[in-house]
C-alpha atoms as a PDB file:
ATOM      1  CA  MET A   1     -40.425  38.641 -49.971  1.00  0.00           C
ATOM      2  CA  GLN A   2     -42.551  39.209 -46.850  1.00  0.00           C
ATOM      3  CA  LEU A   3     -42.682  37.380 -43.532  1.00  0.00           C
ATOM      4  CA  ALA A   4     -45.820  37.667 -41.364  1.00  0.00           C
ATOM      5  CA  THR A   5     -44.942  37.854 -37.670  1.00  0.00           C
ATOM      6  CA  ALA A   6     -46.404  38.874 -34.321  1.00  0.00           C
ATOM      7  CA  GLY A   7     -44.521  40.583 -31.511  1.00  0.00           C
ATOM      8  CA  LEU A   8     -45.165  40.979 -27.796  1.00  0.00           C
ATOM      9  CA  LEU A   9     -44.867  44.353 -26.099  1.00  0.00           C
ATOM     10  CA  TYR A  10     -44.416  43.752 -22.383  1.00  0.00           C
ATOM     11  CA  ILE A  11     -43.464  46.878 -20.460  1.00  0.00           C
ATOM     12  CA  ARG A  12     -42.274  46.968 -16.872  1.00  0.00           C
ATOM     13  CA  ASN A  13     -40.847  50.055 -15.144  1.00  0.00           C
ATOM     14  CA  LYS A  14     -40.999  52.003 -18.443  1.00  0.00           C
ATOM     15  CA  LYS A  15     -38.770  49.461 -20.223  1.00  0.00           C
ATOM     16  CA  LEU A  16     -39.602  46.906 -22.940  1.00  0.00           C
ATOM     17  CA  LEU A  17     -38.929  43.178 -22.568  1.00  0.00           C
ATOM     18  CA  LEU A  18     -36.744  41.768 -25.331  1.00  0.00           C
ATOM     19  CA  ALA A  19     -35.524  38.211 -25.899  1.00  0.00           C
ATOM     20  CA  PHE A  20     -31.993  37.292 -26.978  1.00  0.00           C
ATOM     21  CA  SER A  21     -31.961  34.840 -29.882  1.00  0.00           C
ATOM     22  CA  ARG A  22     -29.065  32.389 -29.602  1.00  0.00           C
ATOM     23  CA  ASN A  23     -29.313  31.798 -33.370  1.00  0.00           C
ATOM     24  CA  LYS A  24     -29.267  35.442 -34.432  1.00  0.00           C
ATOM     25  CA  GLN A  25     -27.167  36.850 -31.559  1.00  0.00           C
ATOM     26  CA  CYS A  26     -29.560  39.761 -31.123  1.00  0.00           C
ATOM     27  CA  PHE A  27     -32.296  40.964 -28.771  1.00  0.00           C
ATOM     28  CA  TYR A  28     -35.691  41.197 -30.466  1.00  0.00           C
ATOM     29  CA  LEU A  29     -39.391  41.280 -29.604  1.00  0.00           C
ATOM     30  CA  PRO A  30     -40.663  37.991 -28.190  1.00  0.00           C
ATOM     31  CA  GLY A  31     -42.960  36.360 -30.730  1.00  0.00           C
ATOM     32  CA  GLY A  32     -42.432  34.976 -34.179  1.00  0.00           C
ATOM     33  CA  LYS A  33     -43.793  33.763 -37.463  1.00  0.00           C
ATOM     34  CA  VAL A  34     -47.502  33.438 -38.171  1.00  0.00           C
ATOM     35  CA  ASP A  35     -48.226  30.001 -39.634  1.00  0.00           C
ATOM     36  CA  ALA A  36     -50.589  29.489 -42.587  1.00  0.00           C
ATOM     37  CA  GLY A  37     -54.207  29.671 -41.422  1.00  0.00           C
ATOM     38  CA  GLU A  38     -53.205  31.150 -38.060  1.00  0.00           C
ATOM     39  CA  THR A  39     -54.135  34.614 -36.748  1.00  0.00           C
ATOM     40  CA  SER A  40     -51.405  36.883 -35.444  1.00  0.00           C
ATOM     41  CA  LEU A  41     -52.989  36.664 -31.970  1.00  0.00           C
ATOM     42  CA  ALA A  42     -52.942  32.859 -31.996  1.00  0.00           C
ATOM     43  CA  ALA A  43     -49.362  32.851 -33.287  1.00  0.00           C
ATOM     44  CA  LEU A  44     -48.255  35.221 -30.556  1.00  0.00           C
ATOM     45  CA  CYS A  45     -49.845  33.141 -27.781  1.00  0.00           C
ATOM     46  CA  ARG A  46     -48.163  30.007 -29.193  1.00  0.00           C
ATOM     47  CA  GLU A  47     -44.771  31.679 -29.571  1.00  0.00           C
ATOM     48  CA  ILE A  48     -44.842  33.184 -26.063  1.00  0.00           C
ATOM     49  CA  ALA A  49     -45.533  29.741 -24.600  1.00  0.00           C
ATOM     50  CA  GLU A  50     -42.541  28.396 -26.560  1.00  0.00           C
ATOM     51  CA  GLU A  51     -40.102  31.271 -25.944  1.00  0.00           C
ATOM     52  CA  LEU A  52     -41.050  32.583 -22.496  1.00  0.00           C
ATOM     53  CA  ASN A  53     -42.581  29.491 -20.850  1.00  0.00           C
ATOM     54  CA  THR A  54     -45.640  31.644 -20.144  1.00  0.00           C
ATOM     55  CA  GLN A  55     -49.288  31.124 -21.035  1.00  0.00           C
ATOM     56  CA  ILE A  56     -51.162  34.151 -22.321  1.00  0.00           C
ATOM     57  CA  GLU A  57     -54.592  34.434 -23.934  1.00  0.00           C
ATOM     58  CA  ALA A  58     -55.712  36.583 -26.842  1.00  0.00           C
ATOM     59  CA  THR A  59     -57.901  38.524 -24.380  1.00  0.00           C
ATOM     60  CA  ASP A  60     -54.693  39.571 -22.526  1.00  0.00           C
ATOM     61  CA  LEU A  61     -53.467  41.394 -25.631  1.00  0.00           C
ATOM     62  CA  GLN A  62     -54.304  44.767 -27.158  1.00  0.00           C
ATOM     63  CA  PHE A  63     -53.257  45.654 -30.713  1.00  0.00           C
ATOM     64  CA  TYR A  64     -50.737  48.499 -30.629  1.00  0.00           C
ATOM     65  CA  THR A  65     -49.268  48.907 -34.112  1.00  0.00           C
ATOM     66  CA  HIS A  66     -47.994  47.211 -37.255  1.00  0.00           C
ATOM     67  CA  ILE A  67     -44.378  47.602 -38.315  1.00  0.00           C
ATOM     68  CA  THR A  68     -42.593  46.811 -41.556  1.00  0.00           C
ATOM     69  CA  ALA A  69     -38.828  46.334 -41.342  1.00  0.00           C
ATOM     70  CA  PRO A  70     -35.970  44.278 -42.768  1.00  0.00           C
ATOM     71  CA  ALA A  71     -35.944  40.871 -41.036  1.00  0.00           C
ATOM     72  CA  PHE A  72     -32.769  40.740 -38.936  1.00  0.00           C
ATOM     73  CA  GLY A  73     -30.611  37.662 -39.472  1.00  0.00           C
ATOM     74  CA  GLU A  74     -32.643  36.437 -42.448  1.00  0.00           C
ATOM     75  CA  GLN A  75     -31.890  36.419 -46.163  1.00  0.00           C
ATOM     76  CA  THR A  76     -31.300  39.803 -47.770  1.00  0.00           C
ATOM     77  CA  GLY A  77     -34.499  41.440 -48.979  1.00  0.00           C
ATOM     78  CA  LEU A  78     -36.811  39.580 -46.577  1.00  0.00           C
ATOM     79  CA  ILE A  79     -39.246  42.079 -45.047  1.00  0.00           C
ATOM     80  CA  MET A  80     -40.885  41.435 -41.681  1.00  0.00           C
ATOM     81  CA  GLU A  81     -44.530  42.468 -41.432  1.00  0.00           C
ATOM     82  CA  GLN A  82     -45.230  42.448 -37.691  1.00  0.00           C
ATOM     83  CA  ASP A  83     -48.413  42.999 -35.711  1.00  0.00           C
ATOM     84  CA  CYS A  84     -47.392  44.238 -32.256  1.00  0.00           C
ATOM     85  CA  PHE A  85     -49.590  43.689 -29.204  1.00  0.00           C
ATOM     86  CA  LEU A  86     -49.393  45.181 -25.715  1.00  0.00           C
ATOM     87  CA  LEU A  87     -49.699  42.621 -22.927  1.00  0.00           C
ATOM     88  CA  GLN A  88     -52.333  43.743 -20.425  1.00  0.00           C
ATOM     89  CA  LYS A  89     -51.341  41.522 -17.490  1.00  0.00           C
ATOM     90  CA  GLU A  90     -48.322  40.849 -15.296  1.00  0.00           C
ATOM     91  CA  ILE A  91     -46.230  37.805 -16.190  1.00  0.00           C
ATOM     92  CA  ASP A  92     -43.054  36.205 -14.875  1.00  0.00           C
ATOM     93  CA  PRO A  93     -41.365  35.029 -18.079  1.00  0.00           C
ATOM     94  CA  THR A  94     -38.414  32.632 -18.196  1.00  0.00           C
ATOM     95  CA  ALA A  95     -36.234  32.022 -21.232  1.00  0.00           C
ATOM     96  CA  SER A  96     -36.680  28.749 -23.130  1.00  0.00           C
ATOM     97  CA  ALA A  97     -33.815  26.791 -24.692  1.00  0.00           C
ATOM     98  CA  GLU A  98     -33.886  28.847 -27.908  1.00  0.00           C
ATOM     99  CA  ILE A  99     -33.716  32.109 -25.952  1.00  0.00           C
ATOM    100  CA  GLY A 100     -30.394  32.982 -24.374  1.00  0.00           C
ATOM    101  CA  GLU A 101     -31.612  35.738 -22.093  1.00  0.00           C
ATOM    102  CA  LEU A 102     -34.496  38.094 -21.335  1.00  0.00           C
ATOM    103  CA  ALA A 103     -33.888  41.759 -20.522  1.00  0.00           C
ATOM    104  CA  PHE A 104     -35.803  45.028 -20.275  1.00  0.00           C
ATOM    105  CA  PHE A 105     -34.572  47.970 -22.353  1.00  0.00           C
ATOM    106  CA  SER A 106     -35.074  51.675 -22.824  1.00  0.00           C
ATOM    107  CA  LEU A 107     -34.456  52.944 -26.365  1.00  0.00           C
ATOM    108  CA  GLU A 108     -31.036  54.314 -25.379  1.00  0.00           C
ATOM    109  CA  GLU A 109     -29.992  51.027 -23.746  1.00  0.00           C
ATOM    110  CA  TYR A 110     -30.993  49.050 -26.834  1.00  0.00           C
ATOM    111  CA  LEU A 111     -29.089  51.370 -29.153  1.00  0.00           C
ATOM    112  CA  GLN A 112     -25.917  50.450 -27.236  1.00  0.00           C
ATOM    113  CA  GLN A 113     -26.275  46.752 -28.192  1.00  0.00           C
ATOM    114  CA  GLN A 114     -23.750  45.336 -30.661  1.00  0.00           C
ATOM    115  CA  ASN A 115     -26.532  43.911 -32.874  1.00  0.00           C
ATOM    116  CA  GLN A 116     -29.849  45.714 -33.316  1.00  0.00           C
ATOM    117  CA  ALA A 117     -32.953  44.388 -35.049  1.00  0.00           C
ATOM    118  CA  PRO A 118     -34.457  47.181 -37.192  1.00  0.00           C
ATOM    119  CA  GLY A 119     -37.985  46.266 -36.057  1.00  0.00           C
ATOM    120  CA  ALA A 120     -37.015  46.457 -32.388  1.00  0.00           C
ATOM    121  CA  VAL A 121     -35.502  49.913 -32.920  1.00  0.00           C
ATOM    122  CA  MET A 122     -38.686  51.067 -34.681  1.00  0.00           C
ATOM    123  CA  ILE A 123     -41.002  49.844 -31.932  1.00  0.00           C
ATOM    124  CA  LEU A 124     -38.798  51.227 -29.137  1.00  0.00           C
ATOM    125  CA  GLN A 125     -38.813  54.624 -30.873  1.00  0.00           C
ATOM    126  CA  GLN A 126     -42.606  54.565 -31.183  1.00  0.00           C
ATOM    127  CA  LEU A 127     -43.122  53.453 -27.562  1.00  0.00           C
ATOM    128  CA  LYS A 128     -40.820  56.244 -26.366  1.00  0.00           C
ATOM    129  CA  GLN A 129     -42.597  58.809 -28.541  1.00  0.00           C
ATOM    130  CA  ASN A 130     -45.901  57.728 -27.007  1.00  0.00           C
ATOM    131  CA  GLY A 131     -44.489  57.978 -23.468  1.00  0.00           C
ATOM    132  CA  LEU A 132     -44.780  54.256 -22.698  1.00  0.00           C
ATOM    133  CA  ILE A 133     -41.035  53.684 -22.175  1.00  0.00           C
ATOM    134  CA  ASP A 134     -38.018  55.796 -21.260  1.00  0.00           C
END
């Protein structure tokens, strides 16, 4: 089974912003599920408003990559299909009620976390390979 999602790539000081899900007890890319009839860009703007208390527009985003990974904290066999977009403007995000914490990570820092979302590891590896993060 597949789950369509969109993820935000916000980089500051060569580190990637990740959000801590209280429900899943794991840091992951801010963003979420794409609803029926919704574009991944529209879904991402909606989710960022909900999770990070920040308004962004589709024009602030640039498509970076698509990843396919097991959906962390979901039923076994559920595969996340995620469009990932780079944010092209500065923001000052704050965590909403569903988000326990926001933090910036290098790949090495994320790999030290107790729980790791496979999709987050994949995108951190790609960003590091492309020289966008440490």
